[in-house]
PDB file of N, CA and C in Angstrom:
ATOM      1  N   MET A   1     -21.183   0.267 -75.162  1.00  0.00           N
ATOM      2  CA  MET A   1     -20.382   1.396 -75.449  1.00  0.00           C
ATOM      3  C   MET A   1     -19.457   0.730 -76.302  1.00  0.00           C
ATOM      4  N   THR A   2     -19.320   1.750 -77.448  1.00  0.00           N
ATOM      5  CA  THR A   2     -18.331   1.344 -78.443  1.00  0.00           C
ATOM      6  C   THR A   2     -16.940   1.873 -77.962  1.00  0.00           C
ATOM      7  N   VAL A   3     -16.052   1.021 -78.389  1.00  0.00           N
ATOM      8  CA  VAL A   3     -14.568   1.171 -78.091  1.00  0.00           C
ATOM      9  C   VAL A   3     -14.096   1.958 -79.247  1.00  0.00           C
ATOM     10  N   GLU A   4     -13.375   3.074 -79.110  1.00  0.00           N
ATOM     11  CA  GLU A   4     -12.709   4.068 -80.066  1.00  0.00           C
ATOM     12  C   GLU A   4     -11.481   3.821 -80.007  1.00  0.00           C
ATOM     13  N   ILE A   5     -10.838   3.780 -81.262  1.00  0.00           N
ATOM     14  CA  ILE A   5      -9.409   3.606 -81.409  1.00  0.00           C
ATOM     15  C   ILE A   5      -8.823   4.707 -82.261  1.00  0.00           C
ATOM     16  N   LEU A   6      -7.663   5.308 -81.973  1.00  0.00           N
ATOM     17  CA  LEU A   6      -7.001   6.455 -82.725  1.00  0.00           C
ATOM     18  C   LEU A   6      -5.956   5.696 -83.269  1.00  0.00           C
ATOM     19  N   GLN A   7      -5.834   5.603 -84.689  1.00  0.00           N
ATOM     20  CA  GLN A   7      -4.785   4.858 -85.497  1.00  0.00           C
ATOM     21  C   GLN A   7      -4.071   6.002 -85.960  1.00  0.00           C
ATOM     22  N   THR A   8      -2.831   5.864 -85.522  1.00  0.00           N
ATOM     23  CA  THR A   8      -1.803   7.029 -85.984  1.00  0.00           C
ATOM     24  C   THR A   8      -0.946   7.008 -87.227  1.00  0.00           C
ATOM     25  N   GLY A   9      -0.967   5.461 -87.640  1.00  0.00           N
ATOM     26  CA  GLY A   9      -0.074   5.632 -88.785  1.00  0.00           C
ATOM     27  C   GLY A   9      -0.918   4.095 -89.566  1.00  0.00           C
ATOM     28  N   LYS A  10      -0.531   3.932 -90.722  1.00  0.00           N
ATOM     29  CA  LYS A  10      -0.844   2.909 -91.831  1.00  0.00           C
ATOM     30  C   LYS A  10      -0.445   1.476 -91.063  1.00  0.00           C
ATOM     31  N   LEU A  11      -1.296   0.475 -91.244  1.00  0.00           N
ATOM     32  CA  LEU A  11      -1.233  -0.694 -90.870  1.00  0.00           C
ATOM     33  C   LEU A  11      -1.518  -1.779 -91.851  1.00  0.00           C
ATOM     34  N   LEU A  12      -1.201  -3.073 -91.989  1.00  0.00           N
ATOM     35  CA  LEU A  12      -1.365  -4.016 -92.890  1.00  0.00           C
ATOM     36  C   LEU A  12      -2.888  -4.001 -93.284  1.00  0.00           C
ATOM     37  N   ALA A  13      -3.386  -4.260 -94.269  1.00  0.00           N
ATOM     38  CA  ALA A  13      -4.735  -4.110 -94.632  1.00  0.00           C
ATOM     39  C   ALA A  13      -5.400  -4.989 -93.672  1.00  0.00           C
ATOM     40  N   SER A  14      -5.006  -6.275 -93.354  1.00  0.00           N
ATOM     41  CA  SER A  14      -5.631  -7.311 -92.785  1.00  0.00           C
ATOM     42  C   SER A  14      -5.942  -6.986 -91.204  1.00  0.00           C
ATOM     43  N   CYS A  15      -4.822  -6.001 -90.672  1.00  0.00           N
ATOM     44  CA  CYS A  15      -4.896  -5.482 -89.247  1.00  0.00           C
ATOM     45  C   CYS A  15      -6.176  -4.276 -89.381  1.00  0.00           C
ATOM     46  N   GLU A  16      -6.081  -3.636 -90.305  1.00  0.00           N
ATOM     47  CA  GLU A  16      -6.927  -2.616 -90.370  1.00  0.00           C
ATOM     48  C   GLU A  16      -8.541  -3.095 -90.414  1.00  0.00           C
ATOM     49  N   ALA A  17      -8.526  -4.064 -91.377  1.00  0.00           N
ATOM     50  CA  ALA A  17      -9.936  -4.645 -91.442  1.00  0.00           C
ATOM     51  C   ALA A  17     -10.426  -5.256 -90.153  1.00  0.00           C
ATOM     52  N   ALA A  18      -9.491  -5.850 -89.568  1.00  0.00           N
ATOM     53  CA  ALA A  18      -9.943  -6.778 -88.245  1.00  0.00           C
ATOM     54  C   ALA A  18     -10.270  -5.651 -87.272  1.00  0.00           C
ATOM     55  N   LEU A  19      -9.406  -4.469 -87.016  1.00  0.00           N
ATOM     56  CA  LEU A  19     -10.004  -3.427 -86.115  1.00  0.00           C
ATOM     57  C   LEU A  19     -11.102  -2.923 -86.451  1.00  0.00           C
ATOM     58  N   GLY A  20     -11.428  -2.436 -87.690  1.00  0.00           N
ATOM     59  CA  GLY A  20     -12.502  -2.118 -88.347  1.00  0.00           C
ATOM     60  C   GLY A  20     -13.780  -2.823 -87.849  1.00  0.00           C
ATOM     61  N   THR A  21     -13.895  -4.231 -87.805  1.00  0.00           N
ATOM     62  CA  THR A  21     -14.855  -4.973 -87.348  1.00  0.00           C
ATOM     63  C   THR A  21     -15.296  -5.094 -86.069  1.00  0.00           C
ATOM     64  N   ARG A  22     -14.270  -4.481 -85.088  1.00  0.00           N
ATOM     65  CA  ARG A  22     -14.470  -4.775 -83.820  1.00  0.00           C
ATOM     66  C   ARG A  22     -14.766  -3.337 -82.913  1.00  0.00           C
ATOM     67  N   TYR A  23     -14.032  -2.269 -83.490  1.00  0.00           N
ATOM     68  CA  TYR A  23     -13.988  -1.059 -82.915  1.00  0.00           C
ATOM     69  C   TYR A  23     -14.277   0.161 -83.793  1.00  0.00           C
ATOM     70  N   THR A  24     -14.542   1.191 -83.336  1.00  0.00           N
ATOM     71  CA  THR A  24     -14.736   2.626 -84.209  1.00  0.00           C
ATOM     72  C   THR A  24     -13.455   3.099 -84.439  1.00  0.00           C
ATOM     73  N   VAL A  25     -12.789   3.237 -85.601  1.00  0.00           N
ATOM     74  CA  VAL A  25     -11.412   3.280 -85.720  1.00  0.00           C
ATOM     75  C   VAL A  25     -11.187   4.937 -86.395  1.00  0.00           C
ATOM     76  N   HIS A  26     -10.601   5.949 -85.615  1.00  0.00           N
ATOM     77  CA  HIS A  26     -10.362   7.176 -86.312  1.00  0.00           C
ATOM     78  C   HIS A  26      -8.824   7.156 -86.671  1.00  0.00           C
ATOM     79  N   LYS A  27      -8.847   7.256 -88.008  1.00  0.00           N
ATOM     80  CA  LYS A  27      -7.612   7.353 -88.809  1.00  0.00           C
ATOM     81  C   LYS A  27      -6.863   8.597 -88.883  1.00  0.00           C
ATOM     82  N   LEU A  28      -5.984   8.953 -87.889  1.00  0.00           N
ATOM     83  CA  LEU A  28      -5.434  10.328 -87.650  1.00  0.00           C
ATOM     84  C   LEU A  28      -4.578  10.543 -88.995  1.00  0.00           C
ATOM     85  N   HIS A  29      -3.832   9.503 -89.332  1.00  0.00           N
ATOM     86  CA  HIS A  29      -2.933   9.620 -90.448  1.00  0.00           C
ATOM     87  C   HIS A  29      -3.606   9.967 -91.823  1.00  0.00           C
ATOM     88  N   GLU A  30      -4.833   9.787 -91.991  1.00  0.00           N
ATOM     89  CA  GLU A  30      -5.427  10.360 -93.067  1.00  0.00           C
ATOM     90  C   GLU A  30      -5.963  11.580 -93.080  1.00  0.00           C
ATOM     91  N   GLN A  31      -5.857  12.364 -91.967  1.00  0.00           N
ATOM     92  CA  GLN A  31      -6.474  13.609 -91.950  1.00  0.00           C
ATOM     93  C   GLN A  31      -5.443  14.621 -92.702  1.00  0.00           C
ATOM     94  N   ALA A  32      -6.333  15.735 -93.279  1.00  0.00           N
ATOM     95  CA  ALA A  32      -5.447  16.839 -93.938  1.00  0.00           C
ATOM     96  C   ALA A  32      -4.420  17.434 -93.015  1.00  0.00           C
ATOM     97  N   ASP A  33      -4.991  17.580 -91.768  1.00  0.00           N
ATOM     98  CA  ASP A  33      -4.128  18.380 -90.675  1.00  0.00           C
ATOM     99  C   ASP A  33      -4.245  17.629 -89.263  1.00  0.00           C
ATOM    100  N   PRO A  34      -3.567  16.612 -89.194  1.00  0.00           N
ATOM    101  CA  PRO A  34      -3.724  15.859 -87.840  1.00  0.00           C
ATOM    102  C   PRO A  34      -3.492  16.456 -86.538  1.00  0.00           C
ATOM    103  N   LYS A  35      -2.509  17.529 -86.305  1.00  0.00           N
ATOM    104  CA  LYS A  35      -2.371  18.242 -85.258  1.00  0.00           C
ATOM    105  C   LYS A  35      -3.789  18.977 -85.208  1.00  0.00           C
ATOM    106  N   ALA A  36      -4.354  19.746 -86.047  1.00  0.00           N
ATOM    107  CA  ALA A  36      -5.332  20.374 -85.842  1.00  0.00           C
ATOM    108  C   ALA A  36      -6.631  19.461 -85.390  1.00  0.00           C
ATOM    109  N   ARG A  37      -6.701  18.417 -85.958  1.00  0.00           N
ATOM    110  CA  ARG A  37      -7.729  17.393 -85.571  1.00  0.00           C
ATOM    111  C   ARG A  37      -8.009  17.020 -84.174  1.00  0.00           C
ATOM    112  N   LEU A  38      -6.456  16.871 -83.587  1.00  0.00           N
ATOM    113  CA  LEU A  38      -6.292  16.545 -82.149  1.00  0.00           C
ATOM    114  C   LEU A  38      -6.823  17.541 -81.228  1.00  0.00           C
ATOM    115  N   ALA A  39      -6.246  18.710 -81.845  1.00  0.00           N
ATOM    116  CA  ALA A  39      -6.400  19.943 -81.069  1.00  0.00           C
ATOM    117  C   ALA A  39      -8.136  20.364 -80.860  1.00  0.00           C
ATOM    118  N   GLU A  40      -8.758  20.087 -81.836  1.00  0.00           N
ATOM    119  CA  GLU A  40     -10.239  20.409 -81.983  1.00  0.00           C
ATOM    120  C   GLU A  40     -11.089  19.241 -81.521  1.00  0.00           C
ATOM    121  N   SER A  41     -10.619  18.023 -81.475  1.00  0.00           N
ATOM    122  CA  SER A  41     -11.542  17.031 -81.071  1.00  0.00           C
ATOM    123  C   SER A  41     -11.243  16.483 -79.630  1.00  0.00           C
ATOM    124  N   SER A  42     -12.519  16.120 -78.970  1.00  0.00           N
ATOM    125  CA  SER A  42     -12.556  15.605 -77.747  1.00  0.00           C
ATOM    126  C   SER A  42     -13.086  13.815 -77.998  1.00  0.00           C
ATOM    127  N   ALA A  43     -12.891  13.561 -79.157  1.00  0.00           N
ATOM    128  CA  ALA A  43     -13.251  12.085 -79.390  1.00  0.00           C
ATOM    129  C   ALA A  43     -12.233  11.258 -78.984  1.00  0.00           C
ATOM    130  N   TYR A  44     -11.141  11.428 -78.487  1.00  0.00           N
ATOM    131  CA  TYR A  44     -10.071  10.617 -77.782  1.00  0.00           C
ATOM    132  C   TYR A  44      -9.857  10.685 -76.473  1.00  0.00           C
ATOM    133  N   PRO A  45     -10.905  10.302 -75.533  1.00  0.00           N
ATOM    134  CA  PRO A  45     -10.652  10.794 -73.999  1.00  0.00           C
ATOM    135  C   PRO A  45      -9.802   9.946 -73.493  1.00  0.00           C
ATOM    136  N   ARG A  46      -9.557   8.740 -73.685  1.00  0.00           N
ATOM    137  CA  ARG A  46      -8.661   7.748 -73.006  1.00  0.00           C
ATOM    138  C   ARG A  46      -7.463   7.294 -73.960  1.00  0.00           C
ATOM    139  N   PRO A  47      -6.429   8.178 -73.826  1.00  0.00           N
ATOM    140  CA  PRO A  47      -5.250   7.756 -74.767  1.00  0.00           C
ATOM    141  C   PRO A  47      -4.559   6.494 -74.055  1.00  0.00           C
ATOM    142  N   CYS A  48      -4.096   5.513 -74.917  1.00  0.00           N
ATOM    143  CA  CYS A  48      -3.432   4.407 -74.643  1.00  0.00           C
ATOM    144  C   CYS A  48      -2.398   4.049 -75.849  1.00  0.00           C
ATOM    145  N   ARG A  49      -1.222   3.911 -75.276  1.00  0.00           N
ATOM    146  CA  ARG A  49      -0.312   3.594 -76.402  1.00  0.00           C
ATOM    147  C   ARG A  49       0.101   2.015 -76.403  1.00  0.00           C
ATOM    148  N   LEU A  50      -0.095   1.410 -77.679  1.00  0.00           N
ATOM    149  CA  LEU A  50       0.264   0.072 -77.863  1.00  0.00           C
ATOM    150  C   LEU A  50       1.724  -0.018 -78.362  1.00  0.00           C
ATOM    151  N   GLY A  51       2.474  -0.909 -77.522  1.00  0.00           N
ATOM    152  CA  GLY A  51       3.655  -1.150 -78.043  1.00  0.00           C
ATOM    153  C   GLY A  51       3.809  -2.445 -79.028  1.00  0.00           C
ATOM    154  N   ARG A  52       5.047  -2.935 -79.282  1.00  0.00           N
ATOM    155  CA  ARG A  52       5.170  -4.234 -80.019  1.00  0.00           C
ATOM    156  C   ARG A  52       4.197  -5.366 -79.467  1.00  0.00           C
ATOM    157  N   ALA A  53       3.695  -5.947 -80.462  1.00  0.00           N
ATOM    158  CA  ALA A  53       3.011  -7.012 -80.073  1.00  0.00           C
ATOM    159  C   ALA A  53       1.439  -6.717 -79.741  1.00  0.00           C
ATOM    160  N   GLY A  54       1.100  -5.431 -79.588  1.00  0.00           N
ATOM    161  CA  GLY A  54      -0.254  -5.029 -79.038  1.00  0.00           C
ATOM    162  C   GLY A  54      -0.171  -4.715 -77.496  1.00  0.00           C
ATOM    163  N   ARG A  55       1.029  -5.191 -76.949  1.00  0.00           N
ATOM    164  CA  ARG A  55       1.203  -5.019 -75.368  1.00  0.00           C
ATOM    165  C   ARG A  55       1.397  -3.664 -75.222  1.00  0.00           C
ATOM    166  N   SER A  56       0.581  -3.230 -74.029  1.00  0.00           N
ATOM    167  CA  SER A  56       0.634  -1.827 -73.653  1.00  0.00           C
ATOM    168  C   SER A  56       2.166  -1.506 -72.772  1.00  0.00           C
ATOM    169  N   ASP A  57       2.599  -2.362 -72.579  1.00  0.00           N
ATOM    170  CA  ASP A  57       4.028  -2.195 -71.723  1.00  0.00           C
ATOM    171  C   ASP A  57       5.167  -2.133 -72.850  1.00  0.00           C
ATOM    172  N   GLY A  58       5.050  -2.286 -73.921  1.00  0.00           N
ATOM    173  CA  GLY A  58       5.939  -2.315 -75.169  1.00  0.00           C
ATOM    174  C   GLY A  58       6.883  -3.732 -75.190  1.00  0.00           C
ATOM    175  N   ARG A  59       6.546  -4.630 -74.296  1.00  0.00           N
ATOM    176  CA  ARG A  59       7.517  -5.891 -74.254  1.00  0.00           C
ATOM    177  C   ARG A  59       6.750  -6.860 -75.324  1.00  0.00           C
ATOM    178  N   ALA A  60       7.764  -7.584 -75.863  1.00  0.00           N
ATOM    179  CA  ALA A  60       7.128  -8.636 -76.807  1.00  0.00           C
ATOM    180  C   ALA A  60       6.156  -9.552 -76.130  1.00  0.00           C
ATOM    181  N   ALA A  61       5.263 -10.212 -76.852  1.00  0.00           N
ATOM    182  CA  ALA A  61       4.507 -11.179 -76.160  1.00  0.00           C
ATOM    183  C   ALA A  61       5.051 -12.567 -76.146  1.00  0.00           C
TER     184      ALA A  61
END
């Protein structure tokens, strides 16, 4: 099963490249109408927000 990630903003090129090799990345910030894309799509069934340093609880690693 492929893990899909919703990228909401621009990242460092090296980070984007690393994510792209491991996951299917949906770049919401590159869509013409991001709100409409979210409304029409069920491609993002399991939302998860990552905080600082990639931790889901927002605390620094």
